[in-house]
Structure formats: C-alpha cells, structure tokens
Amino acid sequence: MIGNIAALVIANYAIEWNIPYVSEALTGRWEDVLGILNLSLALSAICYAVCIFYDERRFYYAARMALDVIGIIVLYRLITVFPFDFTTIGIGWLNTVARIGFGIGIFGVIVSIITRTARLVTGKNIYF
C-alpha cells in the first residue's frame, strides 16, 4: 500500500522534480498514460487498505482480478503510447527491451487472472 502511494507521488512529480535520468527519459506523452496509471495505483492502495480491515478471501480474489484487468490496460497503454525515450540518456536499446517487457507483463497478468479465477472457483488458497 505504501509502495503504491509512493509510486503515485513519483509518477506525478517525476518531471517536475527533475529526477536524474527519469525526467530525461520521459517524453511529452507521459501525460497520456498518467491518468490510467494514477487510477491503477490509487485503486491498488485502496484495495490493500480495505484488505487490512476486511480479510475475506473471496473479496481479495475478486479485487485482485479487477486490479489485474486494470494492470493489463495500463501495460497496453504503455506499449501503444510509449512515453519513454531512452536514447536521450544513452541507452536507446532499452526502448525495445521495455516494450518486450511490457508485453511479457501482459502475458503474466493474464496467467494470474486465469490462476486466481480457477482458485476462486475451486476455493483453494492462492498461497499454497
């Protein structure tokens, strides 16, 4: 939860704070992904806060699956908009690696959704 809040603050102020390498690698298209990224991070923080006080397995599974769907949307948006330009900091090859990584991330989240759905239906604990 704290990590999500920290990421939310950093995502919104990275350019303004002129964080070395980070603000240089972000393009003007960063604003195009910031909205969905903010939504994802805020909902994740809220979900984890609720889970602290409401420890119900089915709620957790459903909430995590919803967050996973939002995660896919965020990753897809990052691939299509790609608000980064790593050539400005001398590591242009990272542009290709990042896109591939986002694609692998989408595949991993899809596997996660399938696994959580199966375990929710069968009633098995996802941790064991």
N, C-alpha and C. Protein backbone atom coordinates (compact mmCIF):
# COMPACT_ATOMS: atom_id res chain seq x y z
N MET A 1 0.83 -1.18 0.00
CA MET A 1 0.00 0.00 0.00
C MET A 1 0.88 1.26 0.00
N ILE A 2 1.89 1.26 0.84
CA ILE A 2 2.78 2.41 0.92
C ILE A 2 3.57 2.55 -0.39
N GLY A 3 3.97 1.43 -0.96
CA GLY A 3 4.68 1.45 -2.24
C GLY A 3 3.83 2.05 -3.36
N ASN A 4 2.54 1.73 -3.36
CA ASN A 4 1.64 2.29 -4.37
C ASN A 4 1.49 3.81 -4.21
N ILE A 5 1.40 4.25 -2.98
CA ILE A 5 1.28 5.69 -2.73
C ILE A 5 2.57 6.39 -3.14
N ALA A 6 3.71 5.80 -2.82
CA ALA A 6 5.00 6.40 -3.21
C ALA A 6 5.11 6.45 -4.74
N ALA A 7 4.72 5.36 -5.41
CA ALA A 7 4.78 5.33 -6.88
C ALA A 7 3.84 6.37 -7.48
N LEU A 8 2.70 6.58 -6.86
CA LEU A 8 1.73 7.58 -7.32
C LEU A 8 2.34 8.98 -7.26
N VAL A 9 2.99 9.28 -6.15
CA VAL A 9 3.62 10.59 -6.00
C VAL A 9 4.77 10.76 -7.00
N ILE A 10 5.61 9.76 -7.13
CA ILE A 10 6.75 9.83 -8.05
C ILE A 10 6.27 9.98 -9.49
N ALA A 11 5.25 9.20 -9.88
CA ALA A 11 4.74 9.26 -11.25
C ALA A 11 4.22 10.66 -11.59
N ASN A 12 3.62 11.31 -10.62
CA ASN A 12 3.03 12.62 -10.87
C ASN A 12 4.03 13.76 -10.79
N TYR A 13 5.13 13.57 -10.09
CA TYR A 13 6.08 14.66 -9.91
C TYR A 13 7.47 14.40 -10.49
N ALA A 14 7.67 13.27 -11.16
CA ALA A 14 8.99 12.93 -11.69
C ALA A 14 9.54 14.00 -12.61
N ILE A 15 8.73 14.50 -13.50
CA ILE A 15 9.19 15.53 -14.43
C ILE A 15 9.45 16.83 -13.70
N GLU A 16 8.53 17.21 -12.84
CA GLU A 16 8.65 18.47 -12.09
C GLU A 16 9.87 18.48 -11.18
N TRP A 17 10.17 17.33 -10.56
CA TRP A 17 11.29 17.24 -9.63
C TRP A 17 12.63 17.10 -10.35
N ASN A 18 12.61 16.90 -11.65
CA ASN A 18 13.84 16.71 -12.43
C ASN A 18 14.71 15.60 -11.86
N ILE A 19 14.10 14.45 -11.61
CA ILE A 19 14.83 13.29 -11.12
C ILE A 19 15.80 12.86 -12.23
N PRO A 20 17.09 12.78 -11.92
CA PRO A 20 18.07 12.43 -12.96
C PRO A 20 17.69 11.14 -13.69
N TYR A 21 17.87 11.13 -14.96
CA TYR A 21 17.59 10.03 -15.88
C TYR A 21 16.09 9.79 -16.06
N VAL A 22 15.32 9.84 -15.00
CA VAL A 22 13.89 9.56 -15.12
C VAL A 22 13.20 10.67 -15.90
N SER A 23 13.34 11.90 -15.45
CA SER A 23 12.67 13.01 -16.13
C SER A 23 13.22 13.22 -17.54
N GLU A 24 14.46 12.86 -17.76
CA GLU A 24 15.05 12.99 -19.08
C GLU A 24 14.51 11.94 -20.05
N ALA A 25 14.16 10.76 -19.55
CA ALA A 25 13.68 9.68 -20.40
C ALA A 25 12.19 9.78 -20.69
N LEU A 26 11.46 10.56 -19.91
CA LEU A 26 10.02 10.71 -20.13
C LEU A 26 9.77 11.74 -21.23
N THR A 27 8.85 11.41 -22.13
CA THR A 27 8.52 12.32 -23.22
C THR A 27 7.26 13.10 -22.87
N GLY A 28 6.85 13.97 -23.76
CA GLY A 28 5.62 14.74 -23.58
C GLY A 28 4.38 13.87 -23.57
N ARG A 29 4.53 12.62 -23.98
CA ARG A 29 3.38 11.70 -24.00
C ARG A 29 3.12 11.07 -22.63
N TRP A 30 3.95 11.37 -21.64
CA TRP A 30 3.76 10.82 -20.30
C TRP A 30 2.38 11.17 -19.76
N GLU A 31 1.91 12.36 -20.07
CA GLU A 31 0.58 12.80 -19.62
C GLU A 31 -0.52 11.89 -20.19
N ASP A 32 -0.28 11.27 -21.34
CA ASP A 32 -1.27 10.40 -21.98
C ASP A 32 -1.48 9.09 -21.23
N VAL A 33 -0.51 8.68 -20.43
CA VAL A 33 -0.66 7.45 -19.65
C VAL A 33 -0.85 7.70 -18.17
N LEU A 34 -0.63 8.93 -17.76
CA LEU A 34 -0.66 9.24 -16.33
C LEU A 34 -2.03 9.01 -15.70
N GLY A 35 -3.10 9.30 -16.43
CA GLY A 35 -4.44 9.12 -15.87
C GLY A 35 -4.74 7.67 -15.50
N ILE A 36 -4.51 6.74 -16.42
CA ILE A 36 -4.80 5.33 -16.15
C ILE A 36 -3.80 4.77 -15.13
N LEU A 37 -2.57 5.27 -15.16
CA LEU A 37 -1.58 4.84 -14.17
C LEU A 37 -1.99 5.30 -12.77
N ASN A 38 -2.45 6.54 -12.65
CA ASN A 38 -2.94 7.06 -11.36
C ASN A 38 -4.11 6.23 -10.85
N LEU A 39 -5.04 5.91 -11.75
CA LEU A 39 -6.20 5.11 -11.35
C LEU A 39 -5.75 3.75 -10.82
N SER A 40 -4.85 3.11 -11.54
CA SER A 40 -4.36 1.80 -11.13
C SER A 40 -3.68 1.85 -9.77
N LEU A 41 -2.78 2.79 -9.59
CA LEU A 41 -2.06 2.88 -8.32
C LEU A 41 -2.98 3.25 -7.15
N ALA A 42 -3.91 4.16 -7.38
CA ALA A 42 -4.85 4.56 -6.32
C ALA A 42 -5.76 3.40 -5.94
N LEU A 43 -6.30 2.71 -6.93
CA LEU A 43 -7.18 1.57 -6.63
C LEU A 43 -6.43 0.46 -5.92
N SER A 44 -5.18 0.23 -6.29
CA SER A 44 -4.38 -0.78 -5.60
C SER A 44 -4.18 -0.41 -4.14
N ALA A 45 -3.84 0.83 -3.88
CA ALA A 45 -3.65 1.27 -2.50
C ALA A 45 -4.94 1.13 -1.69
N ILE A 46 -6.05 1.52 -2.29
CA ILE A 46 -7.35 1.41 -1.61
C ILE A 46 -7.69 -0.05 -1.34
N CYS A 47 -7.47 -0.90 -2.35
CA CYS A 47 -7.76 -2.33 -2.19
C CYS A 47 -6.96 -2.93 -1.03
N TYR A 48 -5.68 -2.64 -0.99
CA TYR A 48 -4.85 -3.20 0.08
C TYR A 48 -5.24 -2.63 1.44
N ALA A 49 -5.65 -1.37 1.49
CA ALA A 49 -6.11 -0.79 2.74
C ALA A 49 -7.38 -1.48 3.22
N VAL A 50 -8.30 -1.73 2.30
CA VAL A 50 -9.53 -2.43 2.66
C VAL A 50 -9.22 -3.85 3.14
N CYS A 51 -8.28 -4.51 2.48
CA CYS A 51 -7.94 -5.89 2.85
C CYS A 51 -7.33 -5.98 4.25
N ILE A 52 -6.75 -4.89 4.73
CA ILE A 52 -6.21 -4.89 6.09
C ILE A 52 -7.35 -5.04 7.10
N PHE A 53 -8.48 -4.40 6.83
CA PHE A 53 -9.60 -4.41 7.77
C PHE A 53 -10.67 -5.44 7.43
N TYR A 54 -10.71 -5.87 6.20
CA TYR A 54 -11.72 -6.83 5.76
C TYR A 54 -11.01 -8.01 5.13
N ASP A 55 -10.76 -9.02 5.92
CA ASP A 55 -9.97 -10.17 5.50
C ASP A 55 -10.87 -11.30 5.00
N GLU A 56 -11.44 -11.10 3.85
CA GLU A 56 -12.31 -12.10 3.23
C GLU A 56 -11.66 -12.57 1.94
N ARG A 57 -11.43 -13.87 1.84
CA ARG A 57 -10.70 -14.42 0.70
C ARG A 57 -11.37 -14.13 -0.64
N ARG A 58 -12.67 -14.28 -0.72
CA ARG A 58 -13.36 -14.04 -1.99
C ARG A 58 -13.27 -12.57 -2.42
N PHE A 59 -13.35 -11.66 -1.45
CA PHE A 59 -13.18 -10.25 -1.77
C PHE A 59 -11.78 -10.00 -2.32
N TYR A 60 -10.79 -10.59 -1.66
CA TYR A 60 -9.41 -10.40 -2.10
C TYR A 60 -9.22 -10.91 -3.52
N TYR A 61 -9.72 -12.12 -3.80
CA TYR A 61 -9.59 -12.68 -5.16
C TYR A 61 -10.25 -11.77 -6.19
N ALA A 62 -11.46 -11.35 -5.91
CA ALA A 62 -12.20 -10.51 -6.86
C ALA A 62 -11.48 -9.17 -7.05
N ALA A 63 -11.02 -8.57 -5.96
CA ALA A 63 -10.32 -7.29 -6.05
C ALA A 63 -9.02 -7.43 -6.84
N ARG A 64 -8.27 -8.48 -6.57
CA ARG A 64 -7.01 -8.70 -7.29
C ARG A 64 -7.25 -8.93 -8.78
N MET A 65 -8.31 -9.66 -9.12
CA MET A 65 -8.61 -9.89 -10.53
C MET A 65 -8.99 -8.58 -11.21
N ALA A 66 -9.75 -7.74 -10.52
CA ALA A 66 -10.10 -6.42 -11.09
C ALA A 66 -8.85 -5.57 -11.27
N LEU A 67 -7.96 -5.59 -10.28
CA LEU A 67 -6.71 -4.85 -10.40
C LEU A 67 -5.83 -5.41 -11.52
N ASP A 68 -5.88 -6.72 -11.71
CA ASP A 68 -5.12 -7.32 -12.81
C ASP A 68 -5.63 -6.85 -14.17
N VAL A 69 -6.94 -6.73 -14.31
CA VAL A 69 -7.51 -6.24 -15.57
C VAL A 69 -7.06 -4.80 -15.81
N ILE A 70 -7.08 -3.99 -14.77
CA ILE A 70 -6.61 -2.62 -14.91
C ILE A 70 -5.11 -2.61 -15.24
N GLY A 71 -4.38 -3.54 -14.67
CA GLY A 71 -2.95 -3.66 -14.96
C GLY A 71 -2.69 -3.96 -16.44
N ILE A 72 -3.51 -4.81 -17.02
CA ILE A 72 -3.38 -5.10 -18.45
C ILE A 72 -3.63 -3.83 -19.26
N ILE A 73 -4.63 -3.08 -18.87
CA ILE A 73 -4.94 -1.84 -19.58
C ILE A 73 -3.77 -0.86 -19.48
N VAL A 74 -3.18 -0.75 -18.31
CA VAL A 74 -2.03 0.14 -18.11
C VAL A 74 -0.86 -0.30 -18.99
N LEU A 75 -0.55 -1.60 -18.96
CA LEU A 75 0.56 -2.10 -19.77
C LEU A 75 0.31 -1.91 -21.26
N TYR A 76 -0.91 -2.16 -21.69
CA TYR A 76 -1.24 -1.96 -23.11
C TYR A 76 -1.08 -0.48 -23.48
N ARG A 77 -1.53 0.38 -22.59
CA ARG A 77 -1.40 1.82 -22.86
C ARG A 77 0.07 2.24 -22.90
N LEU A 78 0.89 1.66 -22.03
CA LEU A 78 2.31 1.97 -22.05
C LEU A 78 2.97 1.51 -23.35
N ILE A 79 2.52 0.37 -23.88
CA ILE A 79 3.07 -0.12 -25.15
C ILE A 79 2.65 0.77 -26.30
N THR A 80 1.36 1.11 -26.35
CA THR A 80 0.85 1.87 -27.50
C THR A 80 1.29 3.33 -27.49
N VAL A 81 1.33 3.94 -26.33
CA VAL A 81 1.73 5.36 -26.24
C VAL A 81 3.26 5.45 -26.13
N PHE A 82 3.86 4.57 -25.40
CA PHE A 82 5.29 4.52 -25.09
C PHE A 82 5.86 5.91 -24.82
N PRO A 83 5.63 6.39 -23.59
CA PRO A 83 6.05 7.75 -23.24
C PRO A 83 7.51 7.86 -22.80
N PHE A 84 8.35 6.97 -23.30
CA PHE A 84 9.76 6.97 -22.92
C PHE A 84 10.64 7.15 -24.16
N ASP A 85 11.79 7.73 -23.94
CA ASP A 85 12.80 7.81 -24.98
C ASP A 85 14.15 7.66 -24.30
N PHE A 86 14.62 6.43 -24.24
CA PHE A 86 15.85 6.14 -23.52
C PHE A 86 17.10 6.53 -24.31
N THR A 87 16.93 6.91 -25.57
CA THR A 87 18.08 7.38 -26.34
C THR A 87 18.61 8.70 -25.77
N THR A 88 17.74 9.46 -25.10
CA THR A 88 18.17 10.74 -24.52
C THR A 88 19.15 10.56 -23.37
N ILE A 89 19.16 9.36 -22.76
CA ILE A 89 20.10 9.11 -21.66
C ILE A 89 21.15 8.08 -22.06
N GLY A 90 21.23 7.79 -23.37
CA GLY A 90 22.30 6.94 -23.88
C GLY A 90 22.07 5.45 -23.83
N ILE A 91 20.86 5.02 -23.57
CA ILE A 91 20.57 3.58 -23.56
C ILE A 91 19.35 3.30 -24.44
N GLY A 92 19.46 3.66 -25.70
CA GLY A 92 18.36 3.52 -26.65
C GLY A 92 17.85 2.11 -26.82
N TRP A 93 18.71 1.10 -26.61
CA TRP A 93 18.29 -0.30 -26.73
C TRP A 93 17.19 -0.63 -25.72
N LEU A 94 17.10 0.17 -24.64
CA LEU A 94 16.09 -0.09 -23.62
C LEU A 94 14.67 0.21 -24.13
N ASN A 95 14.54 1.00 -25.18
CA ASN A 95 13.22 1.23 -25.78
C ASN A 95 12.60 -0.09 -26.23
N THR A 96 13.39 -0.92 -26.91
CA THR A 96 12.90 -2.22 -27.39
C THR A 96 12.67 -3.17 -26.23
N VAL A 97 13.62 -3.21 -25.31
CA VAL A 97 13.52 -4.12 -24.16
C VAL A 97 12.29 -3.78 -23.31
N ALA A 98 12.02 -2.50 -23.13
CA ALA A 98 10.86 -2.09 -22.32
C ALA A 98 9.56 -2.54 -22.97
N ARG A 99 9.44 -2.35 -24.28
CA ARG A 99 8.22 -2.80 -24.97
C ARG A 99 8.04 -4.31 -24.84
N ILE A 100 9.10 -5.06 -25.01
CA ILE A 100 9.03 -6.52 -24.86
C ILE A 100 8.65 -6.87 -23.42
N GLY A 101 9.24 -6.16 -22.47
CA GLY A 101 8.92 -6.40 -21.05
C GLY A 101 7.46 -6.12 -20.73
N PHE A 102 6.93 -5.05 -21.30
CA PHE A 102 5.51 -4.75 -21.08
C PHE A 102 4.63 -5.85 -21.67
N GLY A 103 5.02 -6.36 -22.84
CA GLY A 103 4.28 -7.46 -23.47
C GLY A 103 4.32 -8.72 -22.62
N ILE A 104 5.48 -9.05 -22.10
CA ILE A 104 5.61 -10.21 -21.20
C ILE A 104 4.78 -9.98 -19.94
N GLY A 105 4.76 -8.74 -19.47
CA GLY A 105 3.94 -8.40 -18.30
C GLY A 105 2.46 -8.66 -18.55
N ILE A 106 1.98 -8.30 -19.74
CA ILE A 106 0.57 -8.57 -20.08
C ILE A 106 0.31 -10.06 -20.04
N PHE A 107 1.19 -10.86 -20.62
CA PHE A 107 1.03 -12.32 -20.60
C PHE A 107 1.00 -12.83 -19.16
N GLY A 108 1.90 -12.33 -18.32
CA GLY A 108 1.94 -12.76 -16.92
C GLY A 108 0.68 -12.40 -16.16
N VAL A 109 0.12 -11.24 -16.41
CA VAL A 109 -1.11 -10.83 -15.73
C VAL A 109 -2.28 -11.68 -16.20
N ILE A 110 -2.30 -12.03 -17.47
CA ILE A 110 -3.37 -12.92 -17.98
C ILE A 110 -3.29 -14.27 -17.28
N VAL A 111 -2.09 -14.81 -17.12
CA VAL A 111 -1.91 -16.08 -16.40
C VAL A 111 -2.39 -15.92 -14.96
N SER A 112 -2.08 -14.79 -14.35
CA SER A 112 -2.52 -14.52 -12.98
C SER A 112 -4.04 -14.52 -12.87
N ILE A 113 -4.70 -13.87 -13.82
CA ILE A 113 -6.17 -13.83 -13.79
C ILE A 113 -6.74 -15.23 -13.92
N ILE A 114 -6.20 -16.02 -14.81
CA ILE A 114 -6.69 -17.40 -15.00
C ILE A 114 -6.47 -18.21 -13.73
N THR A 115 -5.30 -18.08 -13.13
CA THR A 115 -4.99 -18.82 -11.90
C THR A 115 -5.90 -18.40 -10.76
N ARG A 116 -6.09 -17.10 -10.58
CA ARG A 116 -6.96 -16.62 -9.49
C ARG A 116 -8.41 -17.05 -9.71
N THR A 117 -8.85 -17.02 -10.95
CA THR A 117 -10.21 -17.44 -11.25
C THR A 117 -10.40 -18.91 -10.91
N ALA A 118 -9.44 -19.74 -11.31
CA ALA A 118 -9.53 -21.18 -11.03
C ALA A 118 -9.52 -21.45 -9.53
N ARG A 119 -8.68 -20.75 -8.84
CA ARG A 119 -8.59 -20.97 -7.39
C ARG A 119 -9.79 -20.40 -6.66
N LEU A 120 -10.37 -19.33 -7.18
CA LEU A 120 -11.59 -18.78 -6.58
C LEU A 120 -12.74 -19.76 -6.75
N VAL A 121 -12.85 -20.33 -7.94
CA VAL A 121 -13.93 -21.28 -8.22
C VAL A 121 -13.76 -22.55 -7.40
N THR A 122 -12.51 -23.03 -7.29
CA THR A 122 -12.28 -24.28 -6.56
C THR A 122 -12.16 -24.07 -5.06
N GLY A 123 -12.01 -22.81 -4.65
CA GLY A 123 -11.91 -22.50 -3.22
C GLY A 123 -10.55 -22.75 -2.62
N LYS A 124 -9.53 -22.98 -3.47
CA LYS A 124 -8.18 -23.23 -2.96
C LYS A 124 -7.48 -21.90 -2.67
N ASN A 125 -6.62 -21.94 -1.67
CA ASN A 125 -5.85 -20.78 -1.27
C ASN A 125 -4.77 -20.54 -2.31
N ILE A 126 -4.60 -19.29 -2.77
CA ILE A 126 -3.62 -19.00 -3.80
C ILE A 126 -2.18 -19.04 -3.28
N TYR A 127 -2.00 -19.10 -1.98
CA TYR A 127 -0.66 -19.06 -1.43
C TYR A 127 -0.07 -20.44 -1.22
N PHE A 128 -0.85 -21.48 -1.31
CA PHE A 128 -0.35 -22.84 -1.05
C PHE A 128 -0.54 -23.71 -2.25
